[in-house]
Amino acid sequence: MKIILNKTQWQSIGKQAGWMKKANSEFPEYKFHSRGELDSNLLLDTLEQEYGISFRDYDLSPTGIKAKNHKTEQILNRLFTTTPEPIVLNGMTKQKATRIVNNILSTHSKGLFSDNWGAITNLFKTLRANGIDADITSSQYSHTTEGIPNSKKWRFEIDFMNDKGRPTKLFGVVIAAGAGSVEDPLDRYDITAYVS
């Protein structure tokens, strides 16, 4: 079941829900656009009666909905379309495919992270969500002279058919470089990621 609401319908639902605005930032907001008429009570009734989740389990805005717990997140994942249209690398030149993949990677390599490789996991999830299969071929730690891990490198490959119909491969590297303490360099890390 896919439920798409327009702005007026979201406002109506928001008033019924008391305009809950303190969303848990751990969960993404599901965005929607207008696609036909729909009774604004349908979403609330569906979530309550069919799935047993109430107002306490999600936040609403005029343009989207956000889960407040993992159970609700799983239900919303089933109900709503949330992934972008896949990018099809097949038929592209190697240069164009490289540029597209590097643009995606660059969005995940800004800032410092301290999440037990969560940012690395999200990077590969984003590639998959965009229809790009990256096969990790190796991962390896580097160490300080004292034997403490201070960086980790992943190598991966992306296969596609180029504009001439030939099998083509992009070779990728993701490096998490320690930016934490001397005792635990990888407590915080930054990311370098690219394909060529």
Protein backbone atom coordinates (compact mmCIF):
# COMPACT_ATOMS: atom_id res chain seq x y z
CA MET A 1 0.00 0.00 0.00
CA LYS A 2 1.34 3.44 -0.94
CA ILE A 3 -0.23 6.51 0.64
CA ILE A 4 0.61 9.89 -0.90
CA LEU A 5 -0.76 13.04 0.75
CA ASN A 6 -0.79 16.64 -0.40
CA LYS A 7 0.00 19.63 1.83
CA THR A 8 -3.62 20.29 2.83
CA GLN A 9 -4.11 16.69 3.87
CA TRP A 10 -0.91 16.73 5.94
CA GLN A 11 -2.06 19.91 7.67
CA SER A 12 -5.37 18.26 8.51
CA ILE A 13 -3.61 15.21 9.92
CA GLY A 14 -1.15 17.43 11.78
CA LYS A 15 -3.99 19.23 13.58
CA GLN A 16 -5.51 15.90 14.61
CA ALA A 17 -2.11 14.76 15.88
CA GLY A 18 -1.55 17.96 17.85
CA TRP A 19 1.36 19.09 15.65
CA MET A 20 3.95 16.92 17.33
CA LYS A 21 7.28 18.46 16.39
CA LYS A 22 9.94 16.89 18.60
CA ALA A 23 11.09 14.25 16.16
CA ASN A 24 13.79 11.75 17.01
CA SER A 25 16.63 12.66 14.65
CA GLU A 26 17.71 9.02 14.55
CA PHE A 27 14.95 8.35 12.00
CA PRO A 28 14.58 9.90 8.54
CA GLU A 29 11.51 11.87 7.54
CA TYR A 30 9.45 10.34 4.76
CA LYS A 31 8.57 13.00 2.20
CA PHE A 32 5.47 12.96 0.02
CA HIS A 33 3.92 14.85 -2.87
CA SER A 34 0.39 15.18 -4.14
CA ARG A 35 -0.90 12.28 -6.24
CA GLY A 36 -4.67 12.27 -6.32
CA GLU A 37 -7.29 12.78 -3.64
CA LEU A 38 -7.19 10.93 -0.36
CA ASP A 39 -9.20 11.14 2.86
CA SER A 40 -6.83 12.68 5.41
CA ASN A 41 -8.05 10.20 8.04
CA LEU A 42 -6.88 7.22 5.99
CA LEU A 43 -3.27 7.33 7.14
CA LEU A 44 -4.16 7.67 10.83
CA ASP A 45 -6.74 4.89 10.61
CA THR A 46 -4.33 2.62 8.73
CA LEU A 47 -1.50 3.10 11.19
CA GLU A 48 -3.78 2.63 14.20
CA GLN A 49 -6.06 -0.20 13.08
CA GLU A 50 -3.88 -2.18 10.69
CA TYR A 51 -0.51 -1.79 12.40
CA GLY A 52 -1.32 -0.95 16.02
CA ILE A 53 0.76 2.23 16.20
CA SER A 54 -0.60 5.46 17.64
CA PHE A 55 0.16 9.20 17.61
CA ARG A 56 2.92 8.58 20.17
CA ASP A 57 4.88 6.52 17.63
CA TYR A 58 5.43 9.15 14.92
CA ASP A 59 5.70 12.88 14.20
CA LEU A 60 3.84 14.59 11.38
CA SER A 61 4.49 17.71 9.34
CA PRO A 62 2.70 19.17 6.31
CA THR A 63 5.14 17.36 4.03
CA GLY A 64 6.15 14.16 5.80
CA ILE A 65 6.15 11.70 8.65
CA LYS A 66 8.93 10.56 10.98
CA ALA A 67 9.01 7.44 13.15
CA LYS A 68 9.86 7.68 16.85
CA ASN A 69 10.84 4.04 17.32
CA HIS A 70 12.22 1.14 15.32
CA LYS A 71 8.93 -0.76 15.06
CA THR A 72 7.22 2.25 13.49
CA GLU A 73 10.21 2.83 11.21
CA GLN A 74 9.88 -0.71 9.86
CA ILE A 75 6.16 -0.22 9.22
CA LEU A 76 6.72 3.10 7.45
CA ASN A 77 9.40 1.48 5.32
CA ARG A 78 6.82 -1.04 4.14
CA LEU A 79 4.09 1.57 3.58
CA PHE A 80 5.96 4.32 1.81
CA THR A 81 8.35 4.71 -1.08
CA THR A 82 11.51 6.26 0.37
CA THR A 83 14.37 5.28 -1.94
CA PRO A 84 15.38 7.40 -4.92
CA GLU A 85 15.10 6.17 -8.47
CA PRO A 86 18.13 3.93 -9.05
CA ILE A 87 21.02 5.34 -11.03
CA VAL A 88 21.80 3.03 -13.91
CA LEU A 89 25.52 3.19 -14.71
CA ASN A 90 25.08 0.84 -17.66
CA GLY A 91 25.51 2.71 -20.92
CA MET A 92 27.65 5.48 -19.41
CA THR A 93 31.23 6.31 -20.19
CA LYS A 94 33.67 5.38 -17.43
CA GLN A 95 34.35 9.08 -16.83
CA LYS A 96 30.66 9.88 -16.31
CA ALA A 97 30.08 6.86 -14.04
CA THR A 98 33.17 7.84 -12.01
CA ARG A 99 31.89 11.39 -11.59
CA ILE A 100 28.42 10.25 -10.47
CA VAL A 101 29.76 7.77 -7.92
CA ASN A 102 32.32 10.25 -6.58
CA ASN A 103 29.56 12.85 -6.13
CA ILE A 104 27.62 10.37 -3.97
CA LEU A 105 30.74 9.43 -1.99
CA SER A 106 31.60 13.08 -1.34
CA THR A 107 28.32 13.61 0.53
CA HIS A 108 29.44 10.99 3.07
CA SER A 109 32.98 12.19 3.65
CA LYS A 110 32.45 15.54 5.32
CA GLY A 111 33.08 15.99 9.05
CA LEU A 112 34.25 13.77 11.89
CA PHE A 113 32.47 10.60 12.96
CA SER A 114 32.42 8.61 16.20
CA ASP A 115 29.85 5.92 15.49
CA ASN A 116 31.64 2.56 15.33
CA TRP A 117 31.79 2.60 11.50
CA GLY A 118 28.17 3.73 11.14
CA ALA A 119 29.17 6.38 8.59
CA ILE A 120 30.97 3.73 6.50
CA THR A 121 27.90 1.48 6.60
CA ASN A 122 25.70 4.41 5.54
CA LEU A 123 28.04 5.20 2.66
CA PHE A 124 27.65 1.73 1.16
CA LYS A 125 23.90 1.73 1.92
CA THR A 126 23.54 4.98 -0.03
CA LEU A 127 25.30 3.46 -3.03
CA ARG A 128 22.91 0.48 -2.90
CA ALA A 129 19.89 2.78 -2.49
CA ASN A 130 20.99 4.50 -5.70
CA GLY A 131 21.14 1.19 -7.57
CA ILE A 132 24.93 0.94 -7.45
CA ASP A 133 26.33 -2.41 -6.27
CA ALA A 134 29.72 -1.97 -4.64
CA ASP A 135 31.49 -5.25 -3.84
CA ILE A 136 33.95 -4.87 -0.97
CA THR A 137 37.07 -6.81 -1.89
CA SER A 138 39.22 -6.13 1.18
CA SER A 139 39.48 -4.23 4.45
CA GLN A 140 42.63 -3.63 6.44
CA TYR A 141 43.77 -1.70 9.53
CA SER A 142 46.93 0.38 9.73
CA HIS A 143 48.67 0.69 13.10
CA THR A 144 50.89 3.11 14.99
CA THR A 145 54.42 2.04 15.94
CA GLU A 146 52.90 1.00 19.28
CA GLY A 147 50.51 -1.35 17.46
CA ILE A 148 47.36 0.75 18.01
CA PRO A 149 44.95 0.84 15.01
CA ASN A 150 44.93 4.38 13.58
CA SER A 151 43.14 3.92 10.24
CA LYS A 152 41.14 1.42 8.25
CA LYS A 153 40.95 1.04 4.48
CA TRP A 154 38.23 -0.68 2.45
CA ARG A 155 38.67 -1.51 -1.23
CA PHE A 156 35.64 -2.11 -3.44
CA GLU A 157 34.66 -2.61 -7.07
CA ILE A 158 31.65 -1.55 -9.12
CA ASP A 159 30.87 -3.43 -12.34
CA PHE A 160 28.80 -2.01 -15.20
CA MET A 161 28.52 -2.05 -19.00
CA ASN A 162 29.97 1.09 -20.57
CA ASP A 163 28.60 3.14 -23.46
CA LYS A 164 30.19 0.72 -25.94
CA GLY A 165 28.57 -2.32 -24.29
CA ARG A 166 31.83 -3.54 -22.74
CA PRO A 167 32.16 -4.79 -19.14
CA THR A 168 33.80 -2.00 -17.15
CA LYS A 169 34.98 -1.78 -13.56
CA LEU A 170 35.40 1.13 -11.16
CA PHE A 171 37.90 0.61 -8.36
CA GLY A 172 37.09 2.33 -5.08
CA VAL A 173 38.80 3.12 -1.80
CA VAL A 174 37.33 4.26 1.51
CA ILE A 175 39.78 5.34 4.21
CA ALA A 176 38.77 6.09 7.79
CA ALA A 177 41.67 8.03 9.32
CA GLY A 178 41.84 8.27 13.10
CA ALA A 179 41.20 11.70 14.61
CA GLY A 180 40.65 10.60 18.21
CA SER A 181 42.95 10.43 21.19
CA VAL A 182 46.49 9.04 21.27
CA GLU A 183 45.17 6.06 23.24
CA ASP A 184 42.27 5.45 20.84
CA PRO A 185 42.84 7.16 17.46
CA LEU A 186 39.74 5.60 15.88
CA ASP A 187 37.39 6.85 18.58
CA ARG A 188 36.80 9.63 16.01
CA TYR A 189 37.62 9.48 12.33
CA ASP A 190 37.30 11.30 9.05
CA ILE A 191 36.57 9.70 5.69
CA THR A 192 38.25 9.82 2.29
CA ALA A 193 36.32 7.97 -0.41
CA TYR A 194 36.68 7.85 -4.18
CA VAL A 195 36.52 5.64 -7.25
CA SER A 196 38.67 5.68 -10.37
